Amino acid sequence: MKTVIHPAGELIDFETRFVENPAIGGKPEKVGHFERVDYTTDVYEDGKTYQKYCNVYLPWCYDPEDKTRKYNVMYYQHGNTCDPDIFTEPAAKATLDCLFDSGEIEPCIMVFTTYYFDVTKDVEIRRTTGDVPAGDGNYGGGFIPANFCKEVVQDIIPAVELRYNTWLRDGSDEAIREARDYRGFSGYSRGCVCTWYMLHNEFEYFRWYAPMSCMTTAGTSIRTKLSKAQVVDYLTAPMKAHPELPFFIYASNGYPNDVMPMTEQMKYVTKDPVFSYGQDPEKNNIYFAVSDFSHSDLYAPYYFYNSLKVLFS
């Protein structure tokens, strides 16, 4: 695939650059592997303990015996109808391998999570409508508190980062906060909504964010019509509460057949004084890239090819 740079167009009124990974579609020489991590969570205020799992992608160079090399960790939340196994199939996994095969991007550990309570139940309903019990606040079958963000911080982070060679020294809340510089959260579509939600609620635990292909709902229903002020207030609240904490948001969206309200939000959100627009984390803290893709979780590695050159740097 030829490398293509998409310059700014009529879509938005600030610079945007998106580069397609020329390696995707080829056969990577350096390949990573997946491991499943099981954990439990009881954050949903119903007195129940849920048995869950996430899939952890370890890059080609990961050596469990080499305790001197520590890895950054990028969490990825899938979109509606999907599950944490989405990139474990050979063809999809190869797109992750291609991210690190060339040496352009520093290898990191990637963690594939799910807001669904049990991806093995009601499979056909999940795969068609996505409306099965979930902890992200978007289940239509009855009220479930949107405590997925707590699940990530309290249960998933310790389960993963204490198992692998990361910067987390122990499972205490203080230690998880201390390691925020080495941790990012990302998500696609409904998982992108979760990413904005994580930014708002768990800002003290993550420095890097890669929301892909969906607008923020500011903690409301995706059908709620929000004012510009509501969106800006929601996305800037954590920075105003913690002005001492650095951060970087690398947002991405497709065009013309993707979630256009995201692009509309980025037009005005990036102009707020809290943000500095650009791709240099030394002086900037937000960037927005536009691709020419339609809507599919399987495009996430294409977006990561752009964002991971900036995040963690």
C-alpha atoms as a PDB file:
ATOM      1  CA  MET A   1       0.000   0.000   0.000  1.00  0.00           C
ATOM      2  CA  LYS A   2       1.379   3.396  -0.961  1.00  0.00           C
ATOM      3  CA  THR A   3       1.974   5.920   1.799  1.00  0.00           C
ATOM      4  CA  VAL A   4      -0.518   8.743   1.472  1.00  0.00           C
ATOM      5  CA  ILE A   5      -0.580  12.037   3.340  1.00  0.00           C
ATOM      6  CA  HIS A   6      -4.036  13.555   3.537  1.00  0.00           C
ATOM      7  CA  PRO A   7      -3.685  17.339   3.944  1.00  0.00           C
ATOM      8  CA  ALA A   8      -6.258  19.619   5.511  1.00  0.00           C
ATOM      9  CA  GLY A   9      -9.330  20.051   3.375  1.00  0.00           C
ATOM     10  CA  GLU A  10     -12.741  21.653   3.454  1.00  0.00           C
ATOM     11  CA  LEU A  11     -13.611  19.425   6.403  1.00  0.00           C
ATOM     12  CA  ILE A  12     -11.822  21.377   9.108  1.00  0.00           C
ATOM     13  CA  ASP A  13     -10.023  24.688   9.391  1.00  0.00           C
ATOM     14  CA  PHE A  14      -6.762  23.546  10.963  1.00  0.00           C
ATOM     15  CA  GLU A  15      -3.935  21.283   9.873  1.00  0.00           C
ATOM     16  CA  THR A  16      -4.543  17.539   9.871  1.00  0.00           C
ATOM     17  CA  ARG A  17      -2.120  14.858   8.729  1.00  0.00           C
ATOM     18  CA  PHE A  18      -2.880  11.158   8.389  1.00  0.00           C
ATOM     19  CA  VAL A  19      -0.376   8.662   7.007  1.00  0.00           C
ATOM     20  CA  GLU A  20      -1.343   5.168   5.901  1.00  0.00           C
ATOM     21  CA  ASN A  21       1.022   2.450   7.126  1.00  0.00           C
ATOM     22  CA  PRO A  22       2.644   1.014   3.980  1.00  0.00           C
ATOM     23  CA  ALA A  23       3.466  -2.219   5.829  1.00  0.00           C
ATOM     24  CA  ILE A  24      -0.135  -3.173   6.565  1.00  0.00           C
ATOM     25  CA  GLY A  25      -1.180  -5.864   4.147  1.00  0.00           C
ATOM     26  CA  GLY A  26       2.329  -7.295   4.023  1.00  0.00           C
ATOM     27  CA  LYS A  27       3.882 -10.060   6.114  1.00  0.00           C
ATOM     28  CA  PRO A  28       5.705  -8.703   9.186  1.00  0.00           C
ATOM     29  CA  GLU A  29       9.003 -10.345  10.091  1.00  0.00           C
ATOM     30  CA  LYS A  30       8.810  -9.434  13.772  1.00  0.00           C
ATOM     31  CA  VAL A  31       5.673 -10.769  15.416  1.00  0.00           C
ATOM     32  CA  GLY A  32       4.240 -10.428  18.887  1.00  0.00           C
ATOM     33  CA  HIS A  33       1.814 -12.709  20.668  1.00  0.00           C
ATOM     34  CA  PHE A  34      -1.357 -12.561  22.762  1.00  0.00           C
ATOM     35  CA  GLU A  35      -1.919 -13.765  26.295  1.00  0.00           C
ATOM     36  CA  ARG A  36      -5.238 -13.869  28.122  1.00  0.00           C
ATOM     37  CA  VAL A  37      -5.445 -12.308  31.583  1.00  0.00           C
ATOM     38  CA  ASP A  38      -8.370 -13.315  33.783  1.00  0.00           C
ATOM     39  CA  TYR A  39      -9.592 -11.084  36.589  1.00  0.00           C
ATOM     40  CA  THR A  40     -12.657 -10.367  38.689  1.00  0.00           C
ATOM     41  CA  THR A  41     -14.554  -7.159  39.290  1.00  0.00           C
ATOM     42  CA  ASP A  42     -17.208  -6.143  41.814  1.00  0.00           C
ATOM     43  CA  VAL A  43     -17.514  -2.427  41.062  1.00  0.00           C
ATOM     44  CA  TYR A  44     -21.115  -2.472  39.765  1.00  0.00           C
ATOM     45  CA  GLU A  45     -22.947  -1.878  43.041  1.00  0.00           C
ATOM     46  CA  ASP A  46     -25.104  -5.013  42.741  1.00  0.00           C
ATOM     47  CA  GLY A  47     -23.290  -7.259  45.206  1.00  0.00           C
ATOM     48  CA  LYS A  48     -22.014  -9.503  42.388  1.00  0.00           C
ATOM     49  CA  THR A  49     -18.501 -10.489  41.409  1.00  0.00           C
ATOM     50  CA  TYR A  50     -17.996 -10.862  37.654  1.00  0.00           C
ATOM     51  CA  GLN A  51     -15.431 -13.175  36.066  1.00  0.00           C
ATOM     52  CA  LYS A  52     -13.880 -11.374  33.111  1.00  0.00           C
ATOM     53  CA  TYR A  53     -10.788 -11.348  30.916  1.00  0.00           C
ATOM     54  CA  CYS A  54      -8.766  -9.086  28.687  1.00  0.00           C
ATOM     55  CA  ASN A  55      -6.285  -9.951  25.940  1.00  0.00           C
ATOM     56  CA  VAL A  56      -2.744  -8.641  26.236  1.00  0.00           C
ATOM     57  CA  TYR A  57      -0.601  -8.148  23.124  1.00  0.00           C
ATOM     58  CA  LEU A  58       3.119  -8.435  23.827  1.00  0.00           C
ATOM     59  CA  PRO A  59       5.359  -6.985  21.076  1.00  0.00           C
ATOM     60  CA  TRP A  60       8.029  -9.044  19.348  1.00  0.00           C
ATOM     61  CA  CYS A  61      10.831  -7.825  21.621  1.00  0.00           C
ATOM     62  CA  TYR A  62       9.115  -8.521  24.935  1.00  0.00           C
ATOM     63  CA  ASP A  63      11.241 -10.763  27.162  1.00  0.00           C
ATOM     64  CA  PRO A  64       9.683 -11.692  30.516  1.00  0.00           C
ATOM     65  CA  GLU A  65      13.137 -12.394  31.956  1.00  0.00           C
ATOM     66  CA  ASP A  66      14.498  -8.954  31.114  1.00  0.00           C
ATOM     67  CA  LYS A  67      13.366  -6.941  34.129  1.00  0.00           C
ATOM     68  CA  THR A  68      15.542  -3.990  33.125  1.00  0.00           C
ATOM     69  CA  ARG A  69      13.308  -3.074  30.170  1.00  0.00           C
ATOM     70  CA  LYS A  70       9.942  -1.668  31.128  1.00  0.00           C
ATOM     71  CA  TYR A  71       7.101  -1.081  28.676  1.00  0.00           C
ATOM     72  CA  ASN A  72       4.458   1.570  28.225  1.00  0.00           C
ATOM     73  CA  VAL A  73       0.901   0.212  28.213  1.00  0.00           C
ATOM     74  CA  MET A  74      -1.881   1.225  25.812  1.00  0.00           C
ATOM     75  CA  TYR A  75      -5.393   0.072  26.709  1.00  0.00           C
ATOM     76  CA  TYR A  76      -7.890  -0.385  23.880  1.00  0.00           C
ATOM     77  CA  GLN A  77     -11.666  -0.587  24.269  1.00  0.00           C
ATOM     78  CA  HIS A  78     -13.533  -2.068  21.298  1.00  0.00           C
ATOM     79  CA  GLY A  79     -16.695  -0.702  19.727  1.00  0.00           C
ATOM     80  CA  ASN A  80     -20.310  -1.875  19.713  1.00  0.00           C
ATOM     81  CA  THR A  81     -20.945  -5.609  18.987  1.00  0.00           C
ATOM     82  CA  CYS A  82     -17.240  -6.515  19.223  1.00  0.00           C
ATOM     83  CA  ASP A  83     -15.247  -8.288  21.955  1.00  0.00           C
ATOM     84  CA  PRO A  84     -11.679  -8.374  23.356  1.00  0.00           C
ATOM     85  CA  ASP A  85     -10.745 -11.138  20.869  1.00  0.00           C
ATOM     86  CA  ILE A  86     -11.132  -8.809  17.881  1.00  0.00           C
ATOM     87  CA  PHE A  87      -7.401  -8.605  17.090  1.00  0.00           C
ATOM     88  CA  THR A  88      -6.436 -12.165  18.014  1.00  0.00           C
ATOM     89  CA  GLU A  89      -7.381 -13.541  14.572  1.00  0.00           C
ATOM     90  CA  PRO A  90      -4.243 -13.939  12.374  1.00  0.00           C
ATOM     91  CA  ALA A  91      -5.085 -11.295   9.771  1.00  0.00           C
ATOM     92  CA  ALA A  92      -6.096  -8.699  12.355  1.00  0.00           C
ATOM     93  CA  LYS A  93      -3.127  -9.523  14.591  1.00  0.00           C
ATOM     94  CA  ALA A  94      -0.779  -8.979  11.645  1.00  0.00           C
ATOM     95  CA  THR A  95      -1.931  -5.348  11.473  1.00  0.00           C
ATOM     96  CA  LEU A  96      -0.696  -4.921  15.061  1.00  0.00           C
ATOM     97  CA  ASP A  97       2.592  -6.653  14.262  1.00  0.00           C
ATOM     98  CA  CYS A  98       3.062  -4.220  11.375  1.00  0.00           C
ATOM     99  CA  LEU A  99       2.950  -1.297  13.815  1.00  0.00           C
ATOM    100  CA  PHE A 100       6.243  -2.308  15.388  1.00  0.00           C
ATOM    101  CA  ASP A 101       7.918  -4.356  12.653  1.00  0.00           C
ATOM    102  CA  SER A 102       9.668  -1.423  10.971  1.00  0.00           C
ATOM    103  CA  GLY A 103      11.055   0.113  14.148  1.00  0.00           C
ATOM    104  CA  GLU A 104       9.269   3.435  13.511  1.00  0.00           C
ATOM    105  CA  ILE A 105       7.195   3.077  16.675  1.00  0.00           C
ATOM    106  CA  GLU A 106       8.509   2.186  20.110  1.00  0.00           C
ATOM    107  CA  PRO A 107       6.983  -1.195  21.053  1.00  0.00           C
ATOM    108  CA  CYS A 108       4.414  -1.100  23.824  1.00  0.00           C
ATOM    109  CA  ILE A 109       2.123  -3.560  25.545  1.00  0.00           C
ATOM    110  CA  MET A 110      -1.478  -3.340  24.280  1.00  0.00           C
ATOM    111  CA  VAL A 111      -4.436  -4.443  26.401  1.00  0.00           C
ATOM    112  CA  PHE A 112      -7.794  -5.256  24.783  1.00  0.00           C
ATOM    113  CA  THR A 113     -10.656  -4.826  27.233  1.00  0.00           C
ATOM    114  CA  THR A 114     -14.452  -5.145  27.170  1.00  0.00           C
ATOM    115  CA  TYR A 115     -17.310  -3.347  28.890  1.00  0.00           C
ATOM    116  CA  TYR A 116     -19.568  -6.370  28.328  1.00  0.00           C
ATOM    117  CA  PHE A 117     -20.085  -8.507  31.416  1.00  0.00           C
ATOM    118  CA  ASP A 118     -19.861 -11.823  29.554  1.00  0.00           C
ATOM    119  CA  VAL A 119     -18.934 -11.961  25.859  1.00  0.00           C
ATOM    120  CA  THR A 120     -19.752 -15.692  25.763  1.00  0.00           C
ATOM    121  CA  LYS A 121     -23.449 -15.183  26.573  1.00  0.00           C
ATOM    122  CA  ASP A 122     -26.155 -13.883  24.242  1.00  0.00           C
ATOM    123  CA  VAL A 123     -23.565 -13.907  21.471  1.00  0.00           C
ATOM    124  CA  GLU A 124     -25.958 -13.367  18.572  1.00  0.00           C
ATOM    125  CA  ILE A 125     -27.603 -10.384  20.274  1.00  0.00           C
ATOM    126  CA  ARG A 126     -24.222  -8.864  21.083  1.00  0.00           C
ATOM    127  CA  ARG A 127     -22.975  -9.309  17.539  1.00  0.00           C
ATOM    128  CA  THR A 128     -26.084  -7.766  15.987  1.00  0.00           C
ATOM    129  CA  THR A 129     -27.212  -4.974  18.317  1.00  0.00           C
ATOM    130  CA  GLY A 130     -24.582  -4.913  21.066  1.00  0.00           C
ATOM    131  CA  ASP A 131     -27.369  -4.484  23.597  1.00  0.00           C
ATOM    132  CA  VAL A 132     -26.355  -7.018  26.244  1.00  0.00           C
ATOM    133  CA  PRO A 133     -25.368  -6.231  29.850  1.00  0.00           C
ATOM    134  CA  ALA A 134     -22.418  -3.845  29.876  1.00  0.00           C
ATOM    135  CA  GLY A 135     -20.811  -1.479  32.330  1.00  0.00           C
ATOM    136  CA  ASP A 136     -20.204   1.564  30.154  1.00  0.00           C
ATOM    137  CA  GLY A 137     -23.619   3.157  30.676  1.00  0.00           C
ATOM    138  CA  ASN A 138     -24.956   2.240  27.231  1.00  0.00           C
ATOM    139  CA  TYR A 139     -27.011  -0.868  28.020  1.00  0.00           C
ATOM    140  CA  GLY A 140     -30.657  -0.356  27.098  1.00  0.00           C
ATOM    141  CA  GLY A 141     -32.043  -3.320  28.997  1.00  0.00           C
ATOM    142  CA  GLY A 142     -32.016  -1.716  32.431  1.00  0.00           C
ATOM    143  CA  PHE A 143     -29.917   0.588  34.567  1.00  0.00           C
ATOM    144  CA  ILE A 144     -26.306  -0.443  35.114  1.00  0.00           C
ATOM    145  CA  PRO A 145     -23.990   2.221  36.564  1.00  0.00           C
ATOM    146  CA  ALA A 146     -21.268   3.373  34.178  1.00  0.00           C
ATOM    147  CA  ASN A 147     -18.522   1.994  36.396  1.00  0.00           C
ATOM    148  CA  PHE A 148     -16.358   0.523  33.658  1.00  0.00           C
ATOM    149  CA  CYS A 149     -13.812   3.251  34.310  1.00  0.00           C
ATOM    150  CA  LYS A 150     -13.513   1.989  37.894  1.00  0.00           C
ATOM    151  CA  GLU A 151     -13.152  -1.574  36.617  1.00  0.00           C
ATOM    152  CA  VAL A 152     -10.209  -0.523  34.466  1.00  0.00           C
ATOM    153  CA  VAL A 153      -8.378   1.314  37.238  1.00  0.00           C
ATOM    154  CA  GLN A 154      -9.144  -0.932  40.188  1.00  0.00           C
ATOM    155  CA  ASP A 155      -9.101  -4.358  38.545  1.00  0.00           C
ATOM    156  CA  ILE A 156      -7.596  -4.445  35.052  1.00  0.00           C
ATOM    157  CA  ILE A 157      -4.539  -2.240  35.576  1.00  0.00           C
ATOM    158  CA  PRO A 158      -3.199  -4.196  38.572  1.00  0.00           C
ATOM    159  CA  ALA A 159      -3.992  -7.555  36.929  1.00  0.00           C
ATOM    160  CA  VAL A 160      -2.037  -6.641  33.801  1.00  0.00           C
ATOM    161  CA  GLU A 161       0.730  -4.303  34.860  1.00  0.00           C
ATOM    162  CA  LEU A 162       1.881  -6.323  37.857  1.00  0.00           C
ATOM    163  CA  ARG A 163       2.119  -9.418  35.658  1.00  0.00           C
ATOM    164  CA  TYR A 164       4.317  -7.869  32.971  1.00  0.00           C
ATOM    165  CA  ASN A 165       7.404  -5.655  32.837  1.00  0.00           C
ATOM    166  CA  THR A 166       5.779  -2.249  33.293  1.00  0.00           C
ATOM    167  CA  TRP A 167       6.358   0.836  35.410  1.00  0.00           C
ATOM    168  CA  LEU A 168       3.805  -0.118  38.083  1.00  0.00           C
ATOM    169  CA  ARG A 169       5.567  -0.942  41.384  1.00  0.00           C
ATOM    170  CA  ASP A 170       2.533  -2.299  43.264  1.00  0.00           C
ATOM    171  CA  GLY A 171      -1.263  -2.368  43.104  1.00  0.00           C
ATOM    172  CA  SER A 172      -1.940   0.580  45.388  1.00  0.00           C
ATOM    173  CA  ASP A 173      -3.909   3.573  44.194  1.00  0.00           C
ATOM    174  CA  GLU A 174      -0.883   5.772  44.817  1.00  0.00           C
ATOM    175  CA  ALA A 175       1.337   3.577  42.647  1.00  0.00           C
ATOM    176  CA  ILE A 176      -1.208   3.486  39.808  1.00  0.00           C
ATOM    177  CA  ARG A 177      -1.293   7.292  39.821  1.00  0.00           C
ATOM    178  CA  GLU A 178       2.495   7.496  39.867  1.00  0.00           C
ATOM    179  CA  ALA A 179       2.733   5.383  36.700  1.00  0.00           C
ATOM    180  CA  ARG A 180       0.297   7.498  34.621  1.00  0.00           C
ATOM    181  CA  ASP A 181       3.091   8.821  32.370  1.00  0.00           C
ATOM    182  CA  TYR A 182       3.549   5.304  30.985  1.00  0.00           C
ATOM    183  CA  ARG A 183      -0.119   4.500  30.410  1.00  0.00           C
ATOM    184  CA  GLY A 184      -2.633   5.413  27.708  1.00  0.00           C
ATOM    185  CA  PHE A 185      -6.281   4.696  26.968  1.00  0.00           C
ATOM    186  CA  SER A 186      -7.840   4.372  23.522  1.00  0.00           C
ATOM    187  CA  GLY A 187     -11.032   3.121  21.982  1.00  0.00           C
ATOM    188  CA  TYR A 188     -13.007   2.959  18.771  1.00  0.00           C
ATOM    189  CA  SER A 189     -16.643   4.033  18.246  1.00  0.00           C
ATOM    190  CA  ARG A 190     -18.516   3.077  21.431  1.00  0.00           C
ATOM    191  CA  GLY A 191     -15.051   2.460  22.852  1.00  0.00           C
ATOM    192  CA  CYS A 192     -14.162   6.005  21.816  1.00  0.00           C
ATOM    193  CA  VAL A 193     -17.035   7.258  23.977  1.00  0.00           C
ATOM    194  CA  CYS A 194     -15.409   5.260  26.798  1.00  0.00           C
ATOM    195  CA  THR A 195     -12.095   6.991  26.071  1.00  0.00           C
ATOM    196  CA  TRP A 196     -13.613  10.437  26.513  1.00  0.00           C
ATOM    197  CA  TYR A 197     -15.292   9.092  29.654  1.00  0.00           C
ATOM    198  CA  MET A 198     -11.947   7.831  30.980  1.00  0.00           C
ATOM    199  CA  LEU A 199     -10.383  11.223  30.264  1.00  0.00           C
ATOM    200  CA  HIS A 200     -13.080  12.935  32.299  1.00  0.00           C
ATOM    201  CA  ASN A 201     -13.222  10.487  35.206  1.00  0.00           C
ATOM    202  CA  GLU A 202      -9.783   8.873  35.473  1.00  0.00           C
ATOM    203  CA  PHE A 203      -7.456  11.659  34.335  1.00  0.00           C
ATOM    204  CA  GLU A 204      -5.113  11.081  37.279  1.00  0.00           C
ATOM    205  CA  TYR A 205      -4.335   7.547  36.049  1.00  0.00           C
ATOM    206  CA  PHE A 206      -3.705   8.067  32.310  1.00  0.00           C
ATOM    207  CA  ARG A 207      -1.532  10.652  30.567  1.00  0.00           C
ATOM    208  CA  TRP A 208      -2.135   9.597  26.929  1.00  0.00           C
ATOM    209  CA  TYR A 209      -5.460   9.276  25.043  1.00  0.00           C
ATOM    210  CA  ALA A 210      -6.359   8.060  21.544  1.00  0.00           C
ATOM    211  CA  PRO A 211     -10.120   8.428  20.930  1.00  0.00           C
ATOM    212  CA  MET A 212     -11.122   7.065  17.506  1.00  0.00           C
ATOM    213  CA  SER A 213     -14.264   7.673  15.503  1.00  0.00           C
ATOM    214  CA  CYS A 214     -16.851   8.922  17.928  1.00  0.00           C
ATOM    215  CA  MET A 215     -17.771  12.136  19.699  1.00  0.00           C
ATOM    216  CA  THR A 216     -18.029  12.587  23.419  1.00  0.00           C
ATOM    217  CA  THR A 217     -21.497  12.227  24.912  1.00  0.00           C
ATOM    218  CA  ALA A 218     -20.387  14.104  28.050  1.00  0.00           C
ATOM    219  CA  GLY A 219     -21.635  11.305  30.277  1.00  0.00           C
ATOM    220  CA  THR A 220     -25.147  11.280  28.751  1.00  0.00           C
ATOM    221  CA  SER A 221     -26.897   9.124  26.153  1.00  0.00           C
ATOM    222  CA  ILE A 222     -25.443   9.066  22.658  1.00  0.00           C
ATOM    223  CA  ARG A 223     -28.812  10.449  21.508  1.00  0.00           C
ATOM    224  CA  THR A 224     -28.580  13.537  23.736  1.00  0.00           C
ATOM    225  CA  LYS A 225     -28.109  16.818  21.889  1.00  0.00           C
ATOM    226  CA  LEU A 226     -25.318  18.712  23.628  1.00  0.00           C
ATOM    227  CA  SER A 227     -24.392  22.367  23.461  1.00  0.00           C
ATOM    228  CA  LYS A 228     -20.850  23.437  22.630  1.00  0.00           C
ATOM    229  CA  ALA A 229     -20.441  24.669  26.192  1.00  0.00           C
ATOM    230  CA  GLN A 230     -21.450  21.290  27.629  1.00  0.00           C
ATOM    231  CA  VAL A 231     -18.896  19.473  25.485  1.00  0.00           C
ATOM    232  CA  VAL A 232     -16.062  21.875  26.244  1.00  0.00           C
ATOM    233  CA  ASP A 233     -16.841  21.958  29.965  1.00  0.00           C
ATOM    234  CA  TYR A 234     -16.875  18.161  30.119  1.00  0.00           C
ATOM    235  CA  LEU A 235     -13.592  17.690  28.265  1.00  0.00           C
ATOM    236  CA  THR A 236     -11.707  20.457  30.062  1.00  0.00           C
ATOM    237  CA  ALA A 237     -12.931  19.710  33.588  1.00  0.00           C
ATOM    238  CA  PRO A 238     -10.130  17.238  34.468  1.00  0.00           C
ATOM    239  CA  MET A 239      -7.380  19.608  33.296  1.00  0.00           C
ATOM    240  CA  LYS A 240      -8.863  22.463  35.288  1.00  0.00           C
ATOM    241  CA  ALA A 241      -9.080  20.207  38.346  1.00  0.00           C
ATOM    242  CA  HIS A 242      -5.480  19.000  37.887  1.00  0.00           C
ATOM    243  CA  PRO A 243      -3.536  21.721  36.038  1.00  0.00           C
ATOM    244  CA  GLU A 244      -0.259  20.194  37.221  1.00  0.00           C
ATOM    245  CA  LEU A 245      -0.767  16.953  35.255  1.00  0.00           C
ATOM    246  CA  PRO A 246       0.520  16.783  31.647  1.00  0.00           C
ATOM    247  CA  PHE A 247      -1.554  14.989  29.013  1.00  0.00           C
ATOM    248  CA  PHE A 248      -1.909  14.441  25.284  1.00  0.00           C
ATOM    249  CA  ILE A 249      -5.013  13.608  23.231  1.00  0.00           C
ATOM    250  CA  TYR A 250      -4.516  12.224  19.716  1.00  0.00           C
ATOM    251  CA  ALA A 251      -8.034  12.041  18.284  1.00  0.00           C
ATOM    252  CA  SER A 252      -8.836  10.449  14.906  1.00  0.00           C
ATOM    253  CA  ASN A 253     -11.853  10.158  12.660  1.00  0.00           C
ATOM    254  CA  GLY A 254     -12.759   9.023   9.153  1.00  0.00           C
ATOM    255  CA  TYR A 255     -14.392  10.903   6.296  1.00  0.00           C
ATOM    256  CA  PRO A 256     -16.877  11.165   4.681  1.00  0.00           C
ATOM    257  CA  ASN A 257     -18.761   8.158   6.045  1.00  0.00           C
ATOM    258  CA  ASP A 258     -17.685   8.177   9.676  1.00  0.00           C
ATOM    259  CA  VAL A 259     -19.010   9.849  12.841  1.00  0.00           C
ATOM    260  CA  MET A 260     -19.102  13.464  11.740  1.00  0.00           C
ATOM    261  CA  PRO A 261     -20.224  14.934  15.092  1.00  0.00           C
ATOM    262  CA  MET A 262     -16.724  14.034  16.334  1.00  0.00           C
ATOM    263  CA  THR A 263     -15.161  16.262  13.693  1.00  0.00           C
ATOM    264  CA  GLU A 264     -17.626  19.038  14.493  1.00  0.00           C
ATOM    265  CA  GLN A 265     -16.734  18.825  18.186  1.00  0.00           C
ATOM    266  CA  MET A 266     -13.011  18.924  17.430  1.00  0.00           C
ATOM    267  CA  LYS A 267     -13.462  22.119  15.424  1.00  0.00           C
ATOM    268  CA  TYR A 268     -14.307  24.091  18.537  1.00  0.00           C
ATOM    269  CA  VAL A 269     -12.909  21.962  21.379  1.00  0.00           C
ATOM    270  CA  THR A 270      -9.332  22.336  20.122  1.00  0.00           C
ATOM    271  CA  LYS A 271      -9.682  26.125  20.230  1.00  0.00           C
ATOM    272  CA  ASP A 272     -10.285  26.204  23.989  1.00  0.00           C
ATOM    273  CA  PRO A 273      -7.407  27.874  25.908  1.00  0.00           C
ATOM    274  CA  VAL A 274      -6.790  24.654  27.870  1.00  0.00           C
ATOM    275  CA  PHE A 275      -5.482  23.053  24.672  1.00  0.00           C
ATOM    276  CA  SER A 276      -2.451  23.621  22.482  1.00  0.00           C
ATOM    277  CA  TYR A 277      -2.932  22.128  19.017  1.00  0.00           C
ATOM    278  CA  GLY A 278      -0.097  20.193  17.370  1.00  0.00           C
ATOM    279  CA  GLN A 279       1.929  16.976  17.372  1.00  0.00           C
ATOM    280  CA  ASP A 280       4.751  17.902  19.744  1.00  0.00           C
ATOM    281  CA  PRO A 281       4.071  16.702  23.317  1.00  0.00           C
ATOM    282  CA  GLU A 282       6.790  19.077  24.535  1.00  0.00           C
ATOM    283  CA  LYS A 283       4.543  22.039  23.746  1.00  0.00           C
ATOM    284  CA  ASN A 284       1.174  20.650  22.533  1.00  0.00           C
ATOM    285  CA  ASN A 285      -1.520  18.538  24.183  1.00  0.00           C
ATOM    286  CA  ILE A 286      -4.122  17.780  21.482  1.00  0.00           C
ATOM    287  CA  TYR A 287      -4.156  16.774  17.823  1.00  0.00           C
ATOM    288  CA  PHE A 288      -6.840  15.603  15.402  1.00  0.00           C
ATOM    289  CA  ALA A 289      -6.186  13.448  12.328  1.00  0.00           C
ATOM    290  CA  VAL A 290      -8.685  12.760   9.547  1.00  0.00           C
ATOM    291  CA  SER A 291      -8.484   9.616   7.411  1.00  0.00           C
ATOM    292  CA  ASP A 292     -10.547   8.611   4.389  1.00  0.00           C
ATOM    293  CA  PHE A 293     -11.786   5.405   6.055  1.00  0.00           C
ATOM    294  CA  SER A 294     -15.356   4.372   6.785  1.00  0.00           C
ATOM    295  CA  HIS A 295     -16.353   2.898  10.157  1.00  0.00           C
ATOM    296  CA  SER A 296     -14.804  -0.319  11.500  1.00  0.00           C
ATOM    297  CA  ASP A 297     -12.802  -1.311  14.569  1.00  0.00           C
ATOM    298  CA  LEU A 298     -10.380  -3.069  12.235  1.00  0.00           C
ATOM    299  CA  TYR A 299      -9.094   0.344  11.147  1.00  0.00           C
ATOM    300  CA  ALA A 300      -7.764   1.029  14.654  1.00  0.00           C
ATOM    301  CA  PRO A 301      -4.187  -0.135  13.810  1.00  0.00           C
ATOM    302  CA  TYR A 302      -4.114   2.391  10.950  1.00  0.00           C
ATOM    303  CA  TYR A 303      -4.932   5.134  13.443  1.00  0.00           C
ATOM    304  CA  PHE A 304      -2.391   3.751  15.925  1.00  0.00           C
ATOM    305  CA  TYR A 305       0.278   4.054  13.208  1.00  0.00           C
ATOM    306  CA  ASN A 306      -0.237   7.805  13.433  1.00  0.00           C
ATOM    307  CA  SER A 307      -0.957   8.285  17.119  1.00  0.00           C
ATOM    308  CA  LEU A 308       1.729   5.987  18.563  1.00  0.00           C
ATOM    309  CA  LYS A 309       4.407   8.053  16.849  1.00  0.00           C
ATOM    310  CA  VAL A 310       3.343  10.871  19.151  1.00  0.00           C
ATOM    311  CA  LEU A 311       1.962   9.201  22.282  1.00  0.00           C
ATOM    312  CA  PHE A 312       4.519   8.124  24.903  1.00  0.00           C
ATOM    313  CA  SER A 313       7.156  10.279  23.212  1.00  0.00           C
END
